[in-house]
C-alpha atoms as a PDB file:
ATOM      1  CA  MET A   1      -4.531  70.241  35.331  1.00  0.00           C
ATOM      2  CA  LYS A   2      -7.426  69.972  32.875  1.00  0.00           C
ATOM      3  CA  LYS A   3      -9.781  67.075  33.430  1.00  0.00           C
ATOM      4  CA  LYS A   4      -9.571  64.491  30.668  1.00  0.00           C
ATOM      5  CA  ILE A   5     -12.564  63.247  28.756  1.00  0.00           C
ATOM      6  CA  VAL A   6     -13.207  59.644  29.770  1.00  0.00           C
ATOM      7  CA  LYS A   7     -16.893  59.200  28.917  1.00  0.00           C
ATOM      8  CA  ALA A   8     -18.680  58.750  25.607  1.00  0.00           C
ATOM      9  CA  ILE A   9     -22.362  58.565  24.730  1.00  0.00           C
ATOM     10  CA  LEU A  10     -23.486  56.428  21.793  1.00  0.00           C
ATOM     11  CA  PRO A  11     -27.120  56.935  20.814  1.00  0.00           C
ATOM     12  CA  ALA A  12     -28.489  53.636  19.498  1.00  0.00           C
ATOM     13  CA  ALA A  13     -32.253  53.835  19.922  1.00  0.00           C
ATOM     14  CA  GLY A  14     -33.213  54.574  16.309  1.00  0.00           C
ATOM     15  CA  LEU A  15     -35.462  52.294  14.288  1.00  0.00           C
ATOM     16  CA  GLY A  16     -32.987  51.718  11.442  1.00  0.00           C
ATOM     17  CA  THR A  17     -35.719  51.992   8.814  1.00  0.00           C
ATOM     18  CA  ARG A  18     -33.272  52.445   5.937  1.00  0.00           C
ATOM     19  CA  PHE A  19     -32.070  48.865   6.471  1.00  0.00           C
ATOM     20  CA  LEU A  20     -35.431  47.133   6.691  1.00  0.00           C
ATOM     21  CA  PRO A  21     -36.209  44.259   6.687  1.00  0.00           C
ATOM     22  CA  ALA A  22     -32.789  43.391   8.178  1.00  0.00           C
ATOM     23  CA  THR A  23     -33.416  45.697  11.139  1.00  0.00           C
ATOM     24  CA  LYS A  24     -36.977  44.629  11.898  1.00  0.00           C
ATOM     25  CA  ALA A  25     -35.821  42.713  14.985  1.00  0.00           C
ATOM     26  CA  SER A  26     -32.052  43.401  14.999  1.00  0.00           C
ATOM     27  CA  PRO A  27     -30.316  46.710  15.767  1.00  0.00           C
ATOM     28  CA  LYS A  28     -28.784  48.611  12.873  1.00  0.00           C
ATOM     29  CA  GLU A  29     -25.780  49.195  15.138  1.00  0.00           C
ATOM     30  CA  MET A  30     -25.107  45.438  15.149  1.00  0.00           C
ATOM     31  CA  LEU A  31     -24.923  45.064  11.374  1.00  0.00           C
ATOM     32  CA  PRO A  32     -21.482  43.594  10.659  1.00  0.00           C
ATOM     33  CA  ILE A  33     -18.855  45.446   8.671  1.00  0.00           C
ATOM     34  CA  VAL A  34     -16.305  42.741   7.825  1.00  0.00           C
ATOM     35  CA  ASP A  35     -16.070  40.983  11.219  1.00  0.00           C
ATOM     36  CA  LYS A  36     -17.252  43.628  13.704  1.00  0.00           C
ATOM     37  CA  PRO A  37     -20.637  45.205  14.340  1.00  0.00           C
ATOM     38  CA  MET A  38     -20.919  48.823  13.275  1.00  0.00           C
ATOM     39  CA  ILE A  39     -21.015  50.148  16.840  1.00  0.00           C
ATOM     40  CA  GLN A  40     -17.732  48.461  17.774  1.00  0.00           C
ATOM     41  CA  TYR A  41     -15.785  50.679  15.384  1.00  0.00           C
ATOM     42  CA  ALA A  42     -16.947  53.740  17.352  1.00  0.00           C
ATOM     43  CA  ILE A  43     -16.068  52.069  20.664  1.00  0.00           C
ATOM     44  CA  GLU A  44     -12.573  51.211  19.432  1.00  0.00           C
ATOM     45  CA  GLU A  45     -12.098  54.718  18.058  1.00  0.00           C
ATOM     46  CA  SER A  46     -12.966  56.132  21.497  1.00  0.00           C
ATOM     47  CA  GLU A  47     -10.818  53.629  23.380  1.00  0.00           C
ATOM     48  CA  LYS A  48      -7.761  54.711  21.347  1.00  0.00           C
ATOM     49  CA  CYS A  49      -8.317  58.216  22.757  1.00  0.00           C
ATOM     50  CA  GLY A  50      -8.341  57.040  26.375  1.00  0.00           C
ATOM     51  CA  ILE A  51     -12.120  56.871  26.797  1.00  0.00           C
ATOM     52  CA  GLU A  52     -13.095  53.931  29.001  1.00  0.00           C
ATOM     53  CA  GLN A  53     -16.693  54.622  30.076  1.00  0.00           C
ATOM     54  CA  PHE A  54     -19.549  54.280  27.619  1.00  0.00           C
ATOM     55  CA  ILE A  55     -23.217  55.139  27.929  1.00  0.00           C
ATOM     56  CA  ILE A  56     -25.224  53.503  25.156  1.00  0.00           C
ATOM     57  CA  ILE A  57     -28.747  54.829  24.653  1.00  0.00           C
ATOM     58  CA  THR A  58     -30.900  51.922  23.557  1.00  0.00           C
ATOM     59  CA  GLY A  59     -34.500  51.081  22.772  1.00  0.00           C
ATOM     60  CA  LYS A  60     -36.692  48.118  21.970  1.00  0.00           C
ATOM     61  CA  ASN A  61     -34.982  45.127  20.283  1.00  0.00           C
ATOM     62  CA  LYS A  62     -31.507  46.413  21.200  1.00  0.00           C
ATOM     63  CA  ARG A  63     -30.588  43.740  23.753  1.00  0.00           C
ATOM     64  CA  SER A  64     -27.996  42.198  21.426  1.00  0.00           C
ATOM     65  CA  ILE A  65     -25.839  45.329  21.864  1.00  0.00           C
ATOM     66  CA  GLU A  66     -25.630  44.643  25.593  1.00  0.00           C
ATOM     67  CA  ASP A  67     -24.903  40.969  24.986  1.00  0.00           C
ATOM     68  CA  HIS A  68     -22.119  41.796  22.527  1.00  0.00           C
ATOM     69  CA  PHE A  69     -20.120  43.837  25.044  1.00  0.00           C
ATOM     70  CA  ASP A  70     -20.803  41.431  27.908  1.00  0.00           C
ATOM     71  CA  SER A  71     -18.850  38.309  28.840  1.00  0.00           C
ATOM     72  CA  ALA A  72     -19.702  35.098  26.982  1.00  0.00           C
ATOM     73  CA  PHE A  73     -18.571  32.367  29.383  1.00  0.00           C
ATOM     74  CA  GLU A  74     -19.478  29.312  27.271  1.00  0.00           C
ATOM     75  CA  LEU A  75     -17.929  30.751  24.114  1.00  0.00           C
ATOM     76  CA  GLU A  76     -14.772  31.785  25.956  1.00  0.00           C
ATOM     77  CA  GLU A  77     -14.380  28.337  27.507  1.00  0.00           C
ATOM     78  CA  ASN A  78     -14.931  26.720  24.114  1.00  0.00           C
ATOM     79  CA  LEU A  79     -12.214  28.864  22.518  1.00  0.00           C
ATOM     80  CA  LYS A  80      -9.828  28.132  25.412  1.00  0.00           C
ATOM     81  CA  GLN A  81     -10.330  24.380  25.102  1.00  0.00           C
ATOM     82  CA  LYS A  82      -9.710  24.514  21.353  1.00  0.00           C
ATOM     83  CA  GLY A  83      -6.603  26.642  21.785  1.00  0.00           C
ATOM     84  CA  LYS A  84      -7.992  29.524  19.717  1.00  0.00           C
ATOM     85  CA  LYS A  85      -6.128  32.217  21.617  1.00  0.00           C
ATOM     86  CA  LYS A  86      -6.271  34.805  18.853  1.00  0.00           C
ATOM     87  CA  LEU A  87     -10.074  34.666  18.638  1.00  0.00           C
ATOM     88  CA  LEU A  88     -10.311  34.667  22.437  1.00  0.00           C
ATOM     89  CA  ASN A  89      -8.189  37.803  22.623  1.00  0.00           C
ATOM     90  CA  GLU A  90     -10.305  39.476  19.953  1.00  0.00           C
ATOM     91  CA  ILE A  91     -13.617  38.932  21.722  1.00  0.00           C
ATOM     92  CA  ASN A  92     -12.072  40.059  25.015  1.00  0.00           C
ATOM     93  CA  SER A  93     -10.240  43.101  23.620  1.00  0.00           C
ATOM     94  CA  LEU A  94     -12.771  45.550  25.075  1.00  0.00           C
ATOM     95  CA  LYS A  95     -13.423  43.715  28.332  1.00  0.00           C
ATOM     96  CA  HIS A  96     -11.597  46.362  30.408  1.00  0.00           C
ATOM     97  CA  LEU A  97     -14.104  49.053  29.396  1.00  0.00           C
ATOM     98  CA  ASP A  98     -17.194  50.028  31.393  1.00  0.00           C
ATOM     99  CA  PHE A  99     -20.630  50.052  29.758  1.00  0.00           C
ATOM    100  CA  ALA A 100     -23.937  51.461  30.966  1.00  0.00           C
ATOM    101  CA  TYR A 101     -27.217  51.180  29.068  1.00  0.00           C
ATOM    102  CA  ILE A 102     -30.157  53.547  29.231  1.00  0.00           C
ATOM    103  CA  ARG A 103     -33.485  53.067  27.497  1.00  0.00           C
ATOM    104  CA  GLN A 104     -34.722  56.083  25.587  1.00  0.00           C
ATOM    105  CA  GLY A 105     -38.261  54.715  25.545  1.00  0.00           C
ATOM    106  CA  LYS A 106     -39.397  56.779  22.597  1.00  0.00           C
ATOM    107  CA  ALA A 107     -37.107  58.116  19.874  1.00  0.00           C
ATOM    108  CA  LEU A 108     -37.548  61.875  20.296  1.00  0.00           C
ATOM    109  CA  GLY A 109     -34.387  63.119  18.650  1.00  0.00           C
ATOM    110  CA  LEU A 110     -30.650  63.215  19.266  1.00  0.00           C
ATOM    111  CA  ALA A 111     -30.801  65.854  22.000  1.00  0.00           C
ATOM    112  CA  HIS A 112     -33.380  63.792  23.889  1.00  0.00           C
ATOM    113  CA  ALA A 113     -31.175  60.685  23.637  1.00  0.00           C
ATOM    114  CA  ILE A 114     -28.123  62.523  24.991  1.00  0.00           C
ATOM    115  CA  MET A 115     -30.206  64.096  27.766  1.00  0.00           C
ATOM    116  CA  ARG A 116     -31.032  60.612  29.067  1.00  0.00           C
ATOM    117  CA  ALA A 117     -27.354  60.146  29.976  1.00  0.00           C
ATOM    118  CA  ARG A 118     -27.187  63.076  32.389  1.00  0.00           C
ATOM    119  CA  PRO A 119     -27.176  60.950  35.586  1.00  0.00           C
ATOM    120  CA  PHE A 120     -24.065  59.122  34.340  1.00  0.00           C
ATOM    121  CA  VAL A 121     -22.189  62.098  32.878  1.00  0.00           C
ATOM    122  CA  LYS A 122     -22.933  64.486  35.797  1.00  0.00           C
ATOM    123  CA  ASP A 123     -20.583  67.499  35.609  1.00  0.00           C
ATOM    124  CA  GLU A 124     -18.031  66.113  33.144  1.00  0.00           C
ATOM    125  CA  SER A 125     -17.402  66.975  29.514  1.00  0.00           C
ATOM    126  CA  PHE A 126     -17.969  64.026  27.208  1.00  0.00           C
ATOM    127  CA  ALA A 127     -17.861  62.729  23.658  1.00  0.00           C
ATOM    128  CA  VAL A 128     -20.846  61.758  21.520  1.00  0.00           C
ATOM    129  CA  LEU A 129     -20.356  59.351  18.621  1.00  0.00           C
ATOM    130  CA  LEU A 130     -22.966  58.377  16.055  1.00  0.00           C
ATOM    131  CA  SER A 131     -21.919  54.861  15.159  1.00  0.00           C
ATOM    132  CA  ASP A 132     -23.285  54.915  11.622  1.00  0.00           C
ATOM    133  CA  ASP A 133     -20.677  57.558  10.802  1.00  0.00           C
ATOM    134  CA  ILE A 134     -17.653  55.281  10.530  1.00  0.00           C
ATOM    135  CA  ILE A 135     -14.271  56.976  10.599  1.00  0.00           C
ATOM    136  CA  ASP A 136     -11.356  55.132   9.026  1.00  0.00           C
ATOM    137  CA  PRO A 137      -9.430  53.495  11.917  1.00  0.00           C
ATOM    138  CA  ASP A 138      -6.198  55.102  10.658  1.00  0.00           C
ATOM    139  CA  GLU A 139      -7.616  58.615  11.186  1.00  0.00           C
ATOM    140  CA  SER A 140      -7.363  60.678  14.396  1.00  0.00           C
ATOM    141  CA  LEU A 141     -10.534  62.786  14.210  1.00  0.00           C
ATOM    142  CA  LEU A 142     -11.781  62.241  17.758  1.00  0.00           C
ATOM    143  CA  GLN A 143      -8.341  62.777  19.295  1.00  0.00           C
ATOM    144  CA  ASP A 144      -7.896  65.979  17.275  1.00  0.00           C
ATOM    145  CA  MET A 145     -11.249  67.235  18.574  1.00  0.00           C
ATOM    146  CA  MET A 146     -10.325  66.367  22.151  1.00  0.00           C
ATOM    147  CA  ASN A 147      -7.062  68.292  21.780  1.00  0.00           C
ATOM    148  CA  ILE A 148      -9.008  71.352  20.589  1.00  0.00           C
ATOM    149  CA  TYR A 149     -11.284  71.022  23.604  1.00  0.00           C
ATOM    150  CA  TYR A 150      -8.275  70.873  25.939  1.00  0.00           C
ATOM    151  CA  ASP A 151      -6.879  74.037  24.311  1.00  0.00           C
ATOM    152  CA  TYR A 152     -10.111  76.073  24.245  1.00  0.00           C
ATOM    153  CA  GLU A 153     -12.212  74.409  26.988  1.00  0.00           C
ATOM    154  CA  CYS A 154     -15.264  74.755  24.750  1.00  0.00           C
ATOM    155  CA  PRO A 155     -17.523  72.291  22.920  1.00  0.00           C
ATOM    156  CA  VAL A 156     -16.295  71.075  19.533  1.00  0.00           C
ATOM    157  CA  ILE A 157     -18.217  69.454  16.686  1.00  0.00           C
ATOM    158  CA  ALA A 158     -16.894  67.632  13.630  1.00  0.00           C
ATOM    159  CA  LEU A 159     -17.471  69.131  10.180  1.00  0.00           C
ATOM    160  CA  GLU A 160     -16.982  67.921   6.650  1.00  0.00           C
ATOM    161  CA  ARG A 161     -17.297  69.719   3.327  1.00  0.00           C
ATOM    162  CA  VAL A 162     -20.063  68.114   1.292  1.00  0.00           C
ATOM    163  CA  PRO A 163     -21.359  68.753  -2.240  1.00  0.00           C
ATOM    164  CA  ARG A 164     -24.088  71.385  -2.363  1.00  0.00           C
ATOM    165  CA  ALA A 165     -26.459  68.836  -3.874  1.00  0.00           C
ATOM    166  CA  GLU A 166     -26.228  66.787  -0.652  1.00  0.00           C
ATOM    167  CA  ILE A 167     -26.384  69.646   1.844  1.00  0.00           C
ATOM    168  CA  HIS A 168     -30.105  69.104   2.553  1.00  0.00           C
ATOM    169  CA  ARG A 169     -29.257  65.828   4.298  1.00  0.00           C
ATOM    170  CA  TYR A 170     -27.163  67.468   7.029  1.00  0.00           C
ATOM    171  CA  GLY A 171     -27.013  70.080   9.716  1.00  0.00           C
ATOM    172  CA  VAL A 172     -24.913  72.954   8.356  1.00  0.00           C
ATOM    173  CA  ILE A 173     -22.930  75.698  10.079  1.00  0.00           C
ATOM    174  CA  ASP A 174     -22.451  79.397   9.608  1.00  0.00           C
ATOM    175  CA  GLY A 175     -19.036  80.194  11.006  1.00  0.00           C
ATOM    176  CA  ALA A 176     -15.873  82.276  10.947  1.00  0.00           C
ATOM    177  CA  ARG A 177     -12.596  80.609  10.084  1.00  0.00           C
ATOM    178  CA  GLU A 178     -10.078  80.742  12.946  1.00  0.00           C
ATOM    179  CA  SER A 179      -7.328  78.612  11.440  1.00  0.00           C
ATOM    180  CA  ASP A 180      -6.750  76.023   8.713  1.00  0.00           C
ATOM    181  CA  LYS A 181      -9.385  73.528   9.928  1.00  0.00           C
ATOM    182  CA  LEU A 182     -11.012  75.358  12.818  1.00  0.00           C
ATOM    183  CA  TYR A 183     -14.178  77.495  12.698  1.00  0.00           C
ATOM    184  CA  ARG A 184     -15.909  79.463  15.406  1.00  0.00           C
ATOM    185  CA  ILE A 185     -19.592  78.771  14.856  1.00  0.00           C
ATOM    186  CA  ASN A 186     -22.140  81.587  14.697  1.00  0.00           C
ATOM    187  CA  GLY A 187     -25.179  79.443  13.930  1.00  0.00           C
ATOM    188  CA  LEU A 188     -26.425  76.045  12.769  1.00  0.00           C
ATOM    189  CA  VAL A 189     -29.224  75.098  10.387  1.00  0.00           C
ATOM    190  CA  GLU A 190     -30.760  71.618  10.320  1.00  0.00           C
ATOM    191  CA  LYS A 191     -31.191  70.210   6.789  1.00  0.00           C
ATOM    192  CA  PRO A 192     -31.435  73.503   4.885  1.00  0.00           C
ATOM    193  CA  ASP A 193     -32.521  73.930   1.282  1.00  0.00           C
ATOM    194  CA  THR A 194     -29.558  73.898  -1.080  1.00  0.00           C
ATOM    195  CA  GLU A 195     -30.030  77.574  -1.968  1.00  0.00           C
ATOM    196  CA  GLY A 196     -30.431  78.692   1.637  1.00  0.00           C
ATOM    197  CA  ALA A 197     -27.502  76.804   3.172  1.00  0.00           C
ATOM    198  CA  PRO A 198     -25.058  79.168   4.933  1.00  0.00           C
ATOM    199  CA  SER A 199     -22.042  77.051   3.901  1.00  0.00           C
ATOM    200  CA  ASP A 200     -20.986  73.658   2.599  1.00  0.00           C
ATOM    201  CA  LEU A 201     -19.693  72.640   6.040  1.00  0.00           C
ATOM    202  CA  ALA A 202     -21.887  69.814   7.291  1.00  0.00           C
ATOM    203  CA  ILE A 203     -22.021  68.441  10.825  1.00  0.00           C
ATOM    204  CA  ILE A 204     -20.945  64.809  11.066  1.00  0.00           C
ATOM    205  CA  GLY A 205     -21.363  62.357  13.913  1.00  0.00           C
ATOM    206  CA  ARG A 206     -18.630  63.335  16.367  1.00  0.00           C
ATOM    207  CA  TYR A 207     -19.119  65.836  19.195  1.00  0.00           C
ATOM    208  CA  ILE A 208     -17.262  66.966  22.294  1.00  0.00           C
ATOM    209  CA  LEU A 209     -19.832  68.539  24.605  1.00  0.00           C
ATOM    210  CA  THR A 210     -19.631  70.302  27.951  1.00  0.00           C
ATOM    211  CA  PRO A 211     -22.007  69.488  30.831  1.00  0.00           C
ATOM    212  CA  ASP A 212     -23.864  72.815  30.583  1.00  0.00           C
ATOM    213  CA  ILE A 213     -25.558  71.383  27.466  1.00  0.00           C
ATOM    214  CA  PHE A 214     -27.870  69.472  29.827  1.00  0.00           C
ATOM    215  CA  ASP A 215     -29.309  72.711  31.231  1.00  0.00           C
ATOM    216  CA  VAL A 216     -29.945  73.829  27.661  1.00  0.00           C
ATOM    217  CA  PHE A 217     -31.764  70.559  26.946  1.00  0.00           C
ATOM    218  CA  GLU A 218     -34.030  71.163  29.940  1.00  0.00           C
ATOM    219  CA  ASP A 219     -35.092  74.564  28.523  1.00  0.00           C
ATOM    220  CA  MET A 220     -35.754  73.270  25.009  1.00  0.00           C
ATOM    221  CA  SER A 221     -39.054  72.742  23.288  1.00  0.00           C
ATOM    222  CA  PRO A 222     -39.498  70.017  20.677  1.00  0.00           C
ATOM    223  CA  GLY A 223     -38.860  71.097  17.103  1.00  0.00           C
ATOM    224  CA  LYS A 224     -39.825  69.667  13.749  1.00  0.00           C
ATOM    225  CA  GLY A 225     -41.579  66.304  13.998  1.00  0.00           C
ATOM    226  CA  GLY A 226     -41.875  66.658  17.778  1.00  0.00           C
ATOM    227  CA  GLU A 227     -38.177  65.838  18.200  1.00  0.00           C
ATOM    228  CA  TYR A 228     -35.504  67.550  20.278  1.00  0.00           C
ATOM    229  CA  GLN A 229     -32.736  68.476  17.852  1.00  0.00           C
ATOM    230  CA  LEU A 230     -29.115  68.801  18.941  1.00  0.00           C
ATOM    231  CA  THR A 231     -28.617  71.618  16.426  1.00  0.00           C
ATOM    232  CA  ASP A 232     -31.284  73.631  18.292  1.00  0.00           C
ATOM    233  CA  ALA A 233     -29.456  73.071  21.579  1.00  0.00           C
ATOM    234  CA  LEU A 234     -26.133  74.111  20.061  1.00  0.00           C
ATOM    235  CA  ASN A 235     -27.740  77.276  18.696  1.00  0.00           C
ATOM    236  CA  MET A 236     -28.814  78.053  22.244  1.00  0.00           C
ATOM    237  CA  ILE A 237     -25.429  77.310  23.798  1.00  0.00           C
ATOM    238  CA  ILE A 238     -23.533  79.686  21.470  1.00  0.00           C
ATOM    239  CA  GLN A 239     -25.515  82.514  23.031  1.00  0.00           C
ATOM    240  CA  HIS A 240     -23.356  82.254  26.143  1.00  0.00           C
ATOM    241  CA  ARG A 241     -20.171  80.395  25.163  1.00  0.00           C
ATOM    242  CA  PRO A 242     -18.023  79.701  22.073  1.00  0.00           C
ATOM    243  CA  LEU A 243     -18.621  76.613  19.954  1.00  0.00           C
ATOM    244  CA  TYR A 244     -15.959  75.379  17.552  1.00  0.00           C
ATOM    245  CA  GLY A 245     -16.111  73.202  14.477  1.00  0.00           C
ATOM    246  CA  TYR A 246     -13.198  71.088  13.259  1.00  0.00           C
ATOM    247  CA  VAL A 247     -13.100  70.304   9.537  1.00  0.00           C
ATOM    248  CA  PHE A 248     -12.323  66.634   8.955  1.00  0.00           C
ATOM    249  CA  GLU A 249     -10.547  65.894   5.698  1.00  0.00           C
ATOM    250  CA  GLY A 250      -9.981  62.172   6.184  1.00  0.00           C
ATOM    251  CA  LYS A 251     -12.083  59.166   5.258  1.00  0.00           C
ATOM    252  CA  ARG A 252     -15.621  58.887   6.610  1.00  0.00           C
ATOM    253  CA  TYR A 253     -18.259  56.346   5.624  1.00  0.00           C
ATOM    254  CA  ASP A 254     -21.928  57.205   5.989  1.00  0.00           C
ATOM    255  CA  ALA A 255     -22.945  53.674   6.926  1.00  0.00           C
ATOM    256  CA  GLY A 256     -26.429  54.881   7.809  1.00  0.00           C
ATOM    257  CA  ASP A 257     -27.577  54.082   4.286  1.00  0.00           C
ATOM    258  CA  LYS A 258     -27.058  50.978   2.170  1.00  0.00           C
ATOM    259  CA  LEU A 259     -24.591  52.443  -0.317  1.00  0.00           C
ATOM    260  CA  GLY A 260     -22.402  53.965   2.381  1.00  0.00           C
ATOM    261  CA  PHE A 261     -22.563  50.719   4.346  1.00  0.00           C
ATOM    262  CA  LEU A 262     -21.365  48.743   1.322  1.00  0.00           C
ATOM    263  CA  LYS A 263     -18.549  51.225   0.649  1.00  0.00           C
ATOM    264  CA  ALA A 264     -17.390  50.921   4.241  1.00  0.00           C
ATOM    265  CA  THR A 265     -17.522  47.129   4.038  1.00  0.00           C
ATOM    266  CA  VAL A 266     -15.444  47.014   0.856  1.00  0.00           C
ATOM    267  CA  GLU A 267     -12.771  49.494   1.945  1.00  0.00           C
ATOM    268  CA  LEU A 268     -12.387  48.095   5.456  1.00  0.00           C
ATOM    269  CA  ALA A 269     -12.259  44.554   4.057  1.00  0.00           C
ATOM    270  CA  LEU A 270      -9.379  45.676   1.849  1.00  0.00           C
ATOM    271  CA  LYS A 271      -7.574  46.833   5.017  1.00  0.00           C
ATOM    272  CA  SER A 272      -8.230  43.607   6.910  1.00  0.00           C
ATOM    273  CA  ASP A 273      -5.243  41.416   7.750  1.00  0.00           C
ATOM    274  CA  HIS A 274      -7.449  38.327   7.494  1.00  0.00           C
ATOM    275  CA  ILE A 275      -9.063  38.650   4.085  1.00  0.00           C
ATOM    276  CA  SER A 276      -7.568  41.615   2.216  1.00  0.00           C
ATOM    277  CA  GLU A 277      -5.490  39.571  -0.234  1.00  0.00           C
ATOM    278  CA  GLY A 278      -8.266  37.229  -1.341  1.00  0.00           C
ATOM    279  CA  PHE A 279     -10.857  39.997  -1.339  1.00  0.00           C
ATOM    280  CA  ARG A 280      -8.652  42.257  -3.475  1.00  0.00           C
ATOM    281  CA  GLU A 281      -8.340  39.482  -6.052  1.00  0.00           C
ATOM    282  CA  PHE A 282     -12.112  39.070  -6.026  1.00  0.00           C
ATOM    283  CA  ILE A 283     -12.657  42.816  -6.562  1.00  0.00           C
ATOM    284  CA  ILE A 284     -10.198  42.850  -9.465  1.00  0.00           C
ATOM    285  CA  ASP A 285     -11.921  39.865 -11.042  1.00  0.00           C
ATOM    286  CA  ILE A 286     -15.364  41.459 -10.670  1.00  0.00           C
ATOM    287  CA  SER A 287     -14.044  44.727 -12.105  1.00  0.00           C
ATOM    288  CA  LYS A 288     -12.669  42.964 -15.162  1.00  0.00           C
ATOM    289  CA  LYS A 289     -16.007  41.271 -15.779  1.00  0.00           C
ATOM    290  CA  LEU A 290     -17.826  44.601 -15.467  1.00  0.00           C
ATOM    291  CA  MET A 291     -15.411  46.227 -17.906  1.00  0.00           C
ATOM    292  CA  LYS A 292     -16.150  43.496 -20.458  1.00  0.00           C
ATOM    293  CA  ASP A 293     -19.883  43.953 -20.010  1.00  0.00           C
END
């Protein structure tokens, strides 16, 4: 019987410079989208797939992430006394999960952040989620990737077709199509020029990785900017084992920049049971005013 993936790594040690000054002393990952911090969407996405152990890679000024997923005795008692069972259940909905926190110390790239989790992952395959890539909760991207891993027993990365004008913002793959949404990857290029990009298939923030990636990390040298790039490690791993890419065609929000963050906030607010009706009316009203202007 194939061993299930039960561990996920969430890198969260970045400086969040695109959201300054809001992130000067507060983690980007804790910015709220509707009524949950950004990172919680990734945790809930993983939990739906049966993942129960999380390694969060943190840095300076990230303590609020730990506090958020910890117990809050005084708050819980207050909610109990006031009979607010629904709110109590919401803040305790992830209490059954296990969390470990590792300091990266210095932000030296995504590969370096993942490498810090080796003592916790050991010899297991695992998921990596970048929490500023928010996947619509109705989508099944991570589960689809896990199913591919179970079928092929090889690492799998998430891909999305992006406009050529935006390709320089992403890692991009060169690959051979195996089926409708599945590519076997021959190579990866980090943030290529538009003209030199091997495809329009960009890497997005979901990965299923096998434990041999850690040995690759150990043999790596820092790349551009002195950072250890995951794309470099994946280029090394395809020298001795297959790597697959799954093309995601659902809804993804790049909440790592302000516009994407606002889009995610609006669309997820419109899906919210609590505020969707009133918020929809507000959006319609604003739209009418803009049309008049």
